Amino acid sequence: MHRIENHLIRSYLSNTQVNVRLAGYNNVGTNWRDLDYTPDYNKFYYICSGEGWLRIGDKEYYPKPGQLFFMPAGIQQSYSVISKNTFTKYWCHFTAKIGDQSIFDILKVPYFIDVPDREKLESIFRDLLDSYTSEAFHSSLLLNASILRLISYYLDNTVLEDVKISQSNTVEKLSQIIDYIEQNLTGNITVKELAVIAHLQPNYFIRLFKKHMGTSPIQYINRKRIEKAKRLLAATDLTLTEICAEIGTGDIYYLSKLFKEHTGFSPTAYRQMIKQK
């Protein structure tokens, strides 16, 4: 995968907001059937046993036990039993969005994987179901953590070459912008400068960037600067003045202020903590 594509995917995923609508574990029964519907949510089906039929878009499948299927929102789907030996499966319905856009409108992944570690996946589903049915005040946090683990598991066991970014005009512009930011962190990057590169009016550029990246351009630039500062503090003996020059923050006072806002530590305290570890 191209470096900028990889970086863009990481940025998208780090800003994704998730919500689980329904989840369960059951045998589907002999009346399990629905044809040509288009859900506004994503689905995971993990097949534990049995047999059946799915259609996702124009592709038909006969899932086997040990396969995890992903069915994205906005794609026409159908499902049905094919015998009395019906599916027993873990399943969940969920959304995963940046702003009002589904992450899977941007990130294209295969519709199924063969699960290499069934016990690990089933453990994730069990945790998800425990959180889904819990009445504890913090259960929503655990539920979101479980669906993120499930998405992560799916991506981790997908062949890298099969993960694609939708090649829209917006994604191409964002790829350009992110590449430019990465290459020019030492300089004074302005929103006006980025808008010119994207051939957009500055206010529209800010709204577009925030919609897709979940943060403003300046907040994103500052986060990238702090990430680079953390790497330099941990892996080099550069002085704070030299690190300021490397990340374009100008002076030590501003670096310290920005670093503490993002990490809760001063740069010096962070370096001492890392070296102690």
C-alpha atoms as a PDB file:
ATOM      1  CA  MET A   1       0.000   0.000   0.000  1.00  0.00           C
ATOM      2  CA  HIS A   2       1.257   3.485  -0.866  1.00  0.00           C
ATOM      3  CA  ARG A   3       2.615   5.420   2.138  1.00  0.00           C
ATOM      4  CA  ILE A   4       0.106   8.269   1.790  1.00  0.00           C
ATOM      5  CA  GLU A   5      -2.801   5.842   1.402  1.00  0.00           C
ATOM      6  CA  ASN A   6      -1.672   4.064   4.570  1.00  0.00           C
ATOM      7  CA  HIS A   7      -1.378   7.371   6.408  1.00  0.00           C
ATOM      8  CA  LEU A   8      -4.793   8.515   5.188  1.00  0.00           C
ATOM      9  CA  ILE A   9      -6.404   5.252   6.325  1.00  0.00           C
ATOM     10  CA  ARG A  10      -4.788   5.624   9.768  1.00  0.00           C
ATOM     11  CA  SER A  11      -6.125   9.182   9.992  1.00  0.00           C
ATOM     12  CA  TYR A  12      -9.625   8.130   8.982  1.00  0.00           C
ATOM     13  CA  LEU A  13      -9.729   5.243  11.456  1.00  0.00           C
ATOM     14  CA  SER A  14      -8.427   7.350  14.331  1.00  0.00           C
ATOM     15  CA  ASN A  15     -11.340   9.766  13.860  1.00  0.00           C
ATOM     16  CA  THR A  16     -14.097   7.178  13.359  1.00  0.00           C
ATOM     17  CA  GLN A  17     -17.132   7.319  15.656  1.00  0.00           C
ATOM     18  CA  VAL A  18     -18.961   4.014  16.212  1.00  0.00           C
ATOM     19  CA  ASN A  19     -22.413   3.010  17.410  1.00  0.00           C
ATOM     20  CA  VAL A  20     -23.793  -0.513  17.912  1.00  0.00           C
ATOM     21  CA  ARG A  21     -27.509  -0.761  17.079  1.00  0.00           C
ATOM     22  CA  LEU A  22     -28.188  -4.467  17.615  1.00  0.00           C
ATOM     23  CA  ALA A  23     -26.158  -7.564  18.455  1.00  0.00           C
ATOM     24  CA  GLY A  24     -26.827 -11.207  19.211  1.00  0.00           C
ATOM     25  CA  TYR A  25     -25.952 -14.879  19.064  1.00  0.00           C
ATOM     26  CA  ASN A  26     -28.588 -17.311  17.824  1.00  0.00           C
ATOM     27  CA  ASN A  27     -29.763 -19.957  15.401  1.00  0.00           C
ATOM     28  CA  VAL A  28     -31.602 -18.138  12.620  1.00  0.00           C
ATOM     29  CA  GLY A  29     -34.511 -20.570  12.148  1.00  0.00           C
ATOM     30  CA  THR A  30     -36.059 -21.806   8.909  1.00  0.00           C
ATOM     31  CA  ASN A  31     -37.920 -18.545   8.168  1.00  0.00           C
ATOM     32  CA  TRP A  32     -34.721 -16.464   7.998  1.00  0.00           C
ATOM     33  CA  ARG A  33     -35.106 -14.607   4.699  1.00  0.00           C
ATOM     34  CA  ASP A  34     -35.095 -11.086   3.281  1.00  0.00           C
ATOM     35  CA  LEU A  35     -34.491 -10.013  -0.317  1.00  0.00           C
ATOM     36  CA  ASP A  36     -33.166  -6.877  -1.978  1.00  0.00           C
ATOM     37  CA  TYR A  37     -33.046  -4.483   0.956  1.00  0.00           C
ATOM     38  CA  THR A  38     -30.482  -1.731   1.569  1.00  0.00           C
ATOM     39  CA  PRO A  39     -29.622  -1.112   5.241  1.00  0.00           C
ATOM     40  CA  ASP A  40     -28.267   2.191   6.553  1.00  0.00           C
ATOM     41  CA  TYR A  41     -25.989   0.282   8.945  1.00  0.00           C
ATOM     42  CA  ASN A  42     -23.101  -2.174   8.579  1.00  0.00           C
ATOM     43  CA  LYS A  43     -23.330  -5.820   9.631  1.00  0.00           C
ATOM     44  CA  PHE A  44     -20.924  -8.493  10.838  1.00  0.00           C
ATOM     45  CA  TYR A  45     -21.997 -12.143  10.610  1.00  0.00           C
ATOM     46  CA  TYR A  46     -19.674 -14.709  12.175  1.00  0.00           C
ATOM     47  CA  ILE A  47     -20.800 -18.182  11.099  1.00  0.00           C
ATOM     48  CA  CYS A  48     -20.402 -20.775  13.858  1.00  0.00           C
ATOM     49  CA  SER A  49     -22.271 -23.647  12.179  1.00  0.00           C
ATOM     50  CA  GLY A  50     -24.885 -24.452   9.553  1.00  0.00           C
ATOM     51  CA  GLU A  51     -25.397 -23.275   5.998  1.00  0.00           C
ATOM     52  CA  GLY A  52     -27.222 -20.517   4.131  1.00  0.00           C
ATOM     53  CA  TRP A  53     -27.045 -17.939   1.363  1.00  0.00           C
ATOM     54  CA  LEU A  54     -26.095 -14.249   1.159  1.00  0.00           C
ATOM     55  CA  ARG A  55     -26.020 -11.738  -1.657  1.00  0.00           C
ATOM     56  CA  ILE A  56     -24.068  -8.507  -1.206  1.00  0.00           C
ATOM     57  CA  GLY A  57     -24.440  -6.192  -4.170  1.00  0.00           C
ATOM     58  CA  ASP A  58     -24.106  -8.462  -7.190  1.00  0.00           C
ATOM     59  CA  LYS A  59     -22.023 -11.141  -5.431  1.00  0.00           C
ATOM     60  CA  GLU A  60     -23.502 -14.355  -4.018  1.00  0.00           C
ATOM     61  CA  TYR A  61     -22.019 -16.341  -1.151  1.00  0.00           C
ATOM     62  CA  TYR A  62     -22.629 -19.587   0.712  1.00  0.00           C
ATOM     63  CA  PRO A  63     -20.833 -18.827   4.005  1.00  0.00           C
ATOM     64  CA  LYS A  64     -19.039 -21.598   5.857  1.00  0.00           C
ATOM     65  CA  PRO A  65     -18.412 -22.039   9.594  1.00  0.00           C
ATOM     66  CA  GLY A  66     -15.304 -20.091  10.584  1.00  0.00           C
ATOM     67  CA  GLN A  67     -15.939 -17.218   8.171  1.00  0.00           C
ATOM     68  CA  LEU A  68     -16.638 -13.631   9.222  1.00  0.00           C
ATOM     69  CA  PHE A  69     -18.755 -11.655   6.773  1.00  0.00           C
ATOM     70  CA  PHE A  70     -18.899  -7.882   6.532  1.00  0.00           C
ATOM     71  CA  MET A  71     -21.957  -6.329   4.861  1.00  0.00           C
ATOM     72  CA  PRO A  72     -21.580  -2.553   4.403  1.00  0.00           C
ATOM     73  CA  ALA A  73     -24.288   0.067   4.706  1.00  0.00           C
ATOM     74  CA  GLY A  74     -25.778   1.392   1.494  1.00  0.00           C
ATOM     75  CA  ILE A  75     -25.282  -1.855  -0.483  1.00  0.00           C
ATOM     76  CA  GLN A  76     -28.294  -3.905  -1.591  1.00  0.00           C
ATOM     77  CA  GLN A  77     -28.374  -7.244   0.241  1.00  0.00           C
ATOM     78  CA  SER A  78     -30.333 -10.482   0.467  1.00  0.00           C
ATOM     79  CA  TYR A  79     -30.189 -13.550   2.706  1.00  0.00           C
ATOM     80  CA  SER A  80     -31.989 -16.854   3.020  1.00  0.00           C
ATOM     81  CA  VAL A  81     -31.829 -20.370   4.428  1.00  0.00           C
ATOM     82  CA  ILE A  82     -31.088 -23.193   1.997  1.00  0.00           C
ATOM     83  CA  SER A  83     -31.828 -26.207   4.219  1.00  0.00           C
ATOM     84  CA  LYS A  84     -32.968 -27.177   7.688  1.00  0.00           C
ATOM     85  CA  ASN A  85     -29.331 -26.992   8.793  1.00  0.00           C
ATOM     86  CA  THR A  86     -29.560 -23.235   9.400  1.00  0.00           C
ATOM     87  CA  PHE A  87     -26.883 -20.814  10.549  1.00  0.00           C
ATOM     88  CA  THR A  88     -25.882 -20.383  14.143  1.00  0.00           C
ATOM     89  CA  LYS A  89     -24.014 -17.097  14.225  1.00  0.00           C
ATOM     90  CA  TYR A  90     -22.751 -14.143  16.185  1.00  0.00           C
ATOM     91  CA  TRP A  91     -23.894 -10.907  14.588  1.00  0.00           C
ATOM     92  CA  CYS A  92     -24.066  -7.162  15.068  1.00  0.00           C
ATOM     93  CA  HIS A  93     -25.467  -4.106  13.313  1.00  0.00           C
ATOM     94  CA  PHE A  94     -23.381  -0.966  13.679  1.00  0.00           C
ATOM     95  CA  THR A  95     -22.394   2.373  12.201  1.00  0.00           C
ATOM     96  CA  ALA A  96     -18.848   3.681  11.834  1.00  0.00           C
ATOM     97  CA  LYS A  97     -18.713   7.276  10.671  1.00  0.00           C
ATOM     98  CA  ILE A  98     -16.576  10.338  10.226  1.00  0.00           C
ATOM     99  CA  GLY A  99     -19.075  13.167  10.524  1.00  0.00           C
ATOM    100  CA  ASP A 100     -22.096  12.005   8.531  1.00  0.00           C
ATOM    101  CA  GLN A 101     -20.115   9.750   6.175  1.00  0.00           C
ATOM    102  CA  SER A 102     -19.573   6.020   6.675  1.00  0.00           C
ATOM    103  CA  ILE A 103     -15.901   5.064   6.921  1.00  0.00           C
ATOM    104  CA  PHE A 104     -16.684   2.155   4.603  1.00  0.00           C
ATOM    105  CA  ASP A 105     -17.805   4.531   1.864  1.00  0.00           C
ATOM    106  CA  ILE A 106     -14.168   5.597   1.813  1.00  0.00           C
ATOM    107  CA  LEU A 107     -12.392   2.426   2.899  1.00  0.00           C
ATOM    108  CA  LYS A 108     -13.226  -0.557   0.690  1.00  0.00           C
ATOM    109  CA  VAL A 109     -12.601  -3.990   2.220  1.00  0.00           C
ATOM    110  CA  PRO A 110     -13.463  -7.582   1.202  1.00  0.00           C
ATOM    111  CA  TYR A 111     -16.877  -8.940   2.156  1.00  0.00           C
ATOM    112  CA  PHE A 112     -15.496 -11.852   4.198  1.00  0.00           C
ATOM    113  CA  ILE A 113     -12.394 -13.307   5.820  1.00  0.00           C
ATOM    114  CA  ASP A 114     -11.495 -16.818   6.955  1.00  0.00           C
ATOM    115  CA  VAL A 115     -10.996 -16.518  10.708  1.00  0.00           C
ATOM    116  CA  PRO A 116      -7.551 -17.775  11.809  1.00  0.00           C
ATOM    117  CA  ASP A 117      -8.277 -17.747  15.564  1.00  0.00           C
ATOM    118  CA  ARG A 118     -11.902 -18.631  16.302  1.00  0.00           C
ATOM    119  CA  GLU A 119     -11.537 -18.491  20.070  1.00  0.00           C
ATOM    120  CA  LYS A 120     -10.142 -14.947  19.940  1.00  0.00           C
ATOM    121  CA  LEU A 121     -12.950 -13.712  17.685  1.00  0.00           C
ATOM    122  CA  GLU A 122     -15.640 -15.419  19.770  1.00  0.00           C
ATOM    123  CA  SER A 123     -14.153 -13.803  22.875  1.00  0.00           C
ATOM    124  CA  ILE A 124     -14.521 -10.363  21.244  1.00  0.00           C
ATOM    125  CA  PHE A 125     -18.144 -11.129  20.368  1.00  0.00           C
ATOM    126  CA  ARG A 126     -18.862 -12.371  23.899  1.00  0.00           C
ATOM    127  CA  ASP A 127     -17.433  -9.153  25.347  1.00  0.00           C
ATOM    128  CA  LEU A 128     -19.518  -7.156  22.889  1.00  0.00           C
ATOM    129  CA  LEU A 129     -22.706  -8.991  23.867  1.00  0.00           C
ATOM    130  CA  ASP A 130     -21.955  -8.631  27.580  1.00  0.00           C
ATOM    131  CA  SER A 131     -21.600  -4.868  27.117  1.00  0.00           C
ATOM    132  CA  TYR A 132     -24.665  -4.696  24.869  1.00  0.00           C
ATOM    133  CA  THR A 133     -26.901  -6.308  27.485  1.00  0.00           C
ATOM    134  CA  SER A 134     -25.315  -4.647  30.514  1.00  0.00           C
ATOM    135  CA  GLU A 135     -27.111  -1.876  32.413  1.00  0.00           C
ATOM    136  CA  ALA A 136     -23.898  -0.530  33.936  1.00  0.00           C
ATOM    137  CA  PHE A 137     -23.433   3.225  33.473  1.00  0.00           C
ATOM    138  CA  HIS A 138     -20.131   2.670  31.657  1.00  0.00           C
ATOM    139  CA  SER A 139     -21.372  -0.141  29.382  1.00  0.00           C
ATOM    140  CA  SER A 140     -21.522   2.132  26.310  1.00  0.00           C
ATOM    141  CA  LEU A 141     -17.769   2.697  26.591  1.00  0.00           C
ATOM    142  CA  LEU A 142     -17.122  -1.040  26.733  1.00  0.00           C
ATOM    143  CA  LEU A 143     -19.514  -1.610  23.831  1.00  0.00           C
ATOM    144  CA  ASN A 144     -17.728   0.934  21.643  1.00  0.00           C
ATOM    145  CA  ALA A 145     -14.390  -0.600  22.609  1.00  0.00           C
ATOM    146  CA  SER A 146     -15.648  -4.055  21.580  1.00  0.00           C
ATOM    147  CA  ILE A 147     -16.914  -2.978  18.153  1.00  0.00           C
ATOM    148  CA  LEU A 148     -13.625  -1.167  17.530  1.00  0.00           C
ATOM    149  CA  ARG A 149     -11.787  -4.378  18.472  1.00  0.00           C
ATOM    150  CA  LEU A 150     -14.006  -6.277  16.051  1.00  0.00           C
ATOM    151  CA  ILE A 151     -13.343  -3.848  13.199  1.00  0.00           C
ATOM    152  CA  SER A 152      -9.642  -3.958  14.031  1.00  0.00           C
ATOM    153  CA  TYR A 153      -9.678  -7.777  14.023  1.00  0.00           C
ATOM    154  CA  TYR A 154     -11.343  -7.799  10.610  1.00  0.00           C
ATOM    155  CA  LEU A 155      -8.826  -5.353   9.128  1.00  0.00           C
ATOM    156  CA  ASP A 156      -5.888  -7.108  10.777  1.00  0.00           C
ATOM    157  CA  ASN A 157      -6.863 -10.387   9.111  1.00  0.00           C
ATOM    158  CA  THR A 158      -7.569  -8.873   5.698  1.00  0.00           C
ATOM    159  CA  VAL A 159      -4.909  -9.097   2.999  1.00  0.00           C
ATOM    160  CA  LEU A 160      -3.396  -5.603   2.851  1.00  0.00           C
ATOM    161  CA  GLU A 161      -3.638  -5.413  -0.928  1.00  0.00           C
ATOM    162  CA  ASP A 162      -7.418  -5.945  -0.669  1.00  0.00           C
ATOM    163  CA  VAL A 163      -7.921  -2.767   1.400  1.00  0.00           C
ATOM    164  CA  LYS A 164      -8.565   0.165  -0.936  1.00  0.00           C
ATOM    165  CA  ILE A 165      -9.375   3.840  -0.567  1.00  0.00           C
ATOM    166  CA  SER A 166     -12.242   5.045  -2.734  1.00  0.00           C
ATOM    167  CA  GLN A 167     -10.594   7.179  -5.395  1.00  0.00           C
ATOM    168  CA  SER A 168     -12.896  10.189  -5.251  1.00  0.00           C
ATOM    169  CA  ASN A 169     -11.802  13.730  -6.014  1.00  0.00           C
ATOM    170  CA  THR A 170     -12.080  14.574  -2.299  1.00  0.00           C
ATOM    171  CA  VAL A 171      -9.845  11.680  -1.232  1.00  0.00           C
ATOM    172  CA  GLU A 172      -7.238  12.684  -3.830  1.00  0.00           C
ATOM    173  CA  LYS A 173      -7.267  16.251  -2.500  1.00  0.00           C
ATOM    174  CA  LEU A 174      -6.918  15.039   1.100  1.00  0.00           C
ATOM    175  CA  SER A 175      -4.072  12.722   0.100  1.00  0.00           C
ATOM    176  CA  GLN A 176      -2.284  15.731  -1.406  1.00  0.00           C
ATOM    177  CA  ILE A 177      -2.870  17.817   1.700  1.00  0.00           C
ATOM    178  CA  ILE A 178      -1.728  15.140   4.147  1.00  0.00           C
ATOM    179  CA  ASP A 179       1.393  14.485   2.095  1.00  0.00           C
ATOM    180  CA  TYR A 180       2.156  18.215   2.032  1.00  0.00           C
ATOM    181  CA  ILE A 181       1.714  18.496   5.805  1.00  0.00           C
ATOM    182  CA  GLU A 182       3.993  15.498   6.395  1.00  0.00           C
ATOM    183  CA  GLN A 183       6.711  16.973   4.181  1.00  0.00           C
ATOM    184  CA  ASN A 184       6.504  20.516   5.554  1.00  0.00           C
ATOM    185  CA  LEU A 185       6.060  20.206   9.315  1.00  0.00           C
ATOM    186  CA  THR A 186       9.214  22.276   9.853  1.00  0.00           C
ATOM    187  CA  GLY A 187       7.571  25.290   8.212  1.00  0.00           C
ATOM    188  CA  ASN A 188       4.705  27.629   9.087  1.00  0.00           C
ATOM    189  CA  ILE A 189       1.811  25.846   7.375  1.00  0.00           C
ATOM    190  CA  THR A 190      -1.310  27.987   7.001  1.00  0.00           C
ATOM    191  CA  VAL A 191      -4.908  27.090   6.166  1.00  0.00           C
ATOM    192  CA  LYS A 192      -4.803  29.519   3.233  1.00  0.00           C
ATOM    193  CA  GLU A 193      -1.758  27.695   1.867  1.00  0.00           C
ATOM    194  CA  LEU A 194      -3.479  24.290   2.154  1.00  0.00           C
ATOM    195  CA  ALA A 195      -6.682  25.632   0.572  1.00  0.00           C
ATOM    196  CA  VAL A 196      -4.697  26.855  -2.439  1.00  0.00           C
ATOM    197  CA  ILE A 197      -3.162  23.379  -2.867  1.00  0.00           C
ATOM    198  CA  ALA A 198      -6.651  21.845  -2.725  1.00  0.00           C
ATOM    199  CA  HIS A 199      -8.014  24.525  -5.112  1.00  0.00           C
ATOM    200  CA  LEU A 200     -10.739  25.387  -2.594  1.00  0.00           C
ATOM    201  CA  GLN A 201     -11.951  28.494  -0.818  1.00  0.00           C
ATOM    202  CA  PRO A 202     -10.464  28.475   2.752  1.00  0.00           C
ATOM    203  CA  ASN A 203     -13.744  28.259   4.699  1.00  0.00           C
ATOM    204  CA  TYR A 204     -15.030  25.449   2.470  1.00  0.00           C
ATOM    205  CA  PHE A 205     -11.675  23.680   2.767  1.00  0.00           C
ATOM    206  CA  ILE A 206     -11.856  23.804   6.583  1.00  0.00           C
ATOM    207  CA  ARG A 207     -15.372  22.318   6.589  1.00  0.00           C
ATOM    208  CA  LEU A 208     -14.393  19.590   4.109  1.00  0.00           C
ATOM    209  CA  PHE A 209     -11.258  18.679   6.056  1.00  0.00           C
ATOM    210  CA  LYS A 210     -13.128  18.504   9.359  1.00  0.00           C
ATOM    211  CA  LYS A 211     -15.925  16.403   7.835  1.00  0.00           C
ATOM    212  CA  HIS A 212     -13.470  13.774   6.576  1.00  0.00           C
ATOM    213  CA  MET A 213     -10.722  13.944   9.203  1.00  0.00           C
ATOM    214  CA  GLY A 214     -12.805  14.681  12.295  1.00  0.00           C
ATOM    215  CA  THR A 215     -10.655  17.666  13.240  1.00  0.00           C
ATOM    216  CA  SER A 216      -9.699  21.083  11.876  1.00  0.00           C
ATOM    217  CA  PRO A 217      -6.572  21.468   9.689  1.00  0.00           C
ATOM    218  CA  ILE A 218      -4.706  23.374  12.416  1.00  0.00           C
ATOM    219  CA  GLN A 219      -5.612  20.812  15.093  1.00  0.00           C
ATOM    220  CA  TYR A 220      -4.455  18.048  12.748  1.00  0.00           C
ATOM    221  CA  ILE A 221      -1.146  19.827  12.048  1.00  0.00           C
ATOM    222  CA  ASN A 222      -0.534  20.346  15.775  1.00  0.00           C
ATOM    223  CA  ARG A 223      -1.279  16.684  16.484  1.00  0.00           C
ATOM    224  CA  LYS A 224       1.227  15.616  13.811  1.00  0.00           C
ATOM    225  CA  ARG A 225       3.816  17.975  15.318  1.00  0.00           C
ATOM    226  CA  ILE A 226       3.334  16.515  18.781  1.00  0.00           C
ATOM    227  CA  GLU A 227       3.539  12.958  17.431  1.00  0.00           C
ATOM    228  CA  LYS A 228       6.867  13.814  15.783  1.00  0.00           C
ATOM    229  CA  ALA A 229       8.080  15.571  18.942  1.00  0.00           C
ATOM    230  CA  LYS A 230       7.282  12.459  20.995  1.00  0.00           C
ATOM    231  CA  ARG A 231       9.322  10.305  18.605  1.00  0.00           C
ATOM    232  CA  LEU A 232      12.269  12.713  18.729  1.00  0.00           C
ATOM    233  CA  LEU A 233      12.165  12.995  22.525  1.00  0.00           C
ATOM    234  CA  ALA A 234      12.118   9.216  22.876  1.00  0.00           C
ATOM    235  CA  ALA A 235      14.662   8.254  20.215  1.00  0.00           C
ATOM    236  CA  THR A 236      17.172  11.139  20.048  1.00  0.00           C
ATOM    237  CA  ASP A 237      19.178  13.473  22.271  1.00  0.00           C
ATOM    238  CA  LEU A 238      18.128  16.582  20.363  1.00  0.00           C
ATOM    239  CA  THR A 239      17.651  19.676  22.519  1.00  0.00           C
ATOM    240  CA  LEU A 240      14.206  21.243  22.794  1.00  0.00           C
ATOM    241  CA  THR A 241      15.395  24.092  20.575  1.00  0.00           C
ATOM    242  CA  GLU A 242      16.438  21.581  17.908  1.00  0.00           C
ATOM    243  CA  ILE A 243      13.129  19.724  18.215  1.00  0.00           C
ATOM    244  CA  CYS A 244      11.267  23.022  17.789  1.00  0.00           C
ATOM    245  CA  ALA A 245      13.097  23.501  14.491  1.00  0.00           C
ATOM    246  CA  GLU A 246      12.268  19.942  13.415  1.00  0.00           C
ATOM    247  CA  ILE A 247       8.535  20.324  13.998  1.00  0.00           C
ATOM    248  CA  GLY A 248       8.026  23.995  13.159  1.00  0.00           C
ATOM    249  CA  THR A 249       6.760  25.244  16.526  1.00  0.00           C
ATOM    250  CA  GLY A 250       9.060  28.263  16.646  1.00  0.00           C
ATOM    251  CA  ASP A 251      10.080  28.423  20.305  1.00  0.00           C
ATOM    252  CA  ILE A 252      10.385  26.240  23.395  1.00  0.00           C
ATOM    253  CA  TYR A 253       7.553  27.991  25.252  1.00  0.00           C
ATOM    254  CA  TYR A 254       5.020  27.235  22.498  1.00  0.00           C
ATOM    255  CA  LEU A 255       6.286  23.642  22.156  1.00  0.00           C
ATOM    256  CA  SER A 256       5.895  23.098  25.911  1.00  0.00           C
ATOM    257  CA  LYS A 257       2.400  24.603  25.935  1.00  0.00           C
ATOM    258  CA  LEU A 258       1.255  22.539  22.949  1.00  0.00           C
ATOM    259  CA  PHE A 259       2.907  19.359  24.222  1.00  0.00           C
ATOM    260  CA  LYS A 260       1.295  19.612  27.649  1.00  0.00           C
ATOM    261  CA  GLU A 261      -2.140  20.287  26.124  1.00  0.00           C
ATOM    262  CA  HIS A 262      -1.874  17.059  24.092  1.00  0.00           C
ATOM    263  CA  THR A 263      -0.099  14.748  26.548  1.00  0.00           C
ATOM    264  CA  GLY A 264      -0.420  16.195  30.060  1.00  0.00           C
ATOM    265  CA  PHE A 265       3.396  16.244  30.347  1.00  0.00           C
ATOM    266  CA  SER A 266       6.068  18.807  29.639  1.00  0.00           C
ATOM    267  CA  PRO A 267       8.557  17.688  26.923  1.00  0.00           C
ATOM    268  CA  THR A 268      11.298  17.271  29.547  1.00  0.00           C
ATOM    269  CA  ALA A 269       9.088  15.201  31.875  1.00  0.00           C
ATOM    270  CA  TYR A 270       7.955  13.048  28.933  1.00  0.00           C
ATOM    271  CA  ARG A 271      11.568  12.336  27.904  1.00  0.00           C
ATOM    272  CA  GLN A 272      12.525  11.395  31.469  1.00  0.00           C
ATOM    273  CA  MET A 273       9.518   9.082  31.780  1.00  0.00           C
ATOM    274  CA  ILE A 274      10.301   7.318  28.483  1.00  0.00           C
ATOM    275  CA  LYS A 275      13.972   6.856  29.385  1.00  0.00           C
ATOM    276  CA  GLN A 276      13.058   5.424  32.783  1.00  0.00           C
ATOM    277  CA  LYS A 277      10.856   2.854  31.059  1.00  0.00           C
END
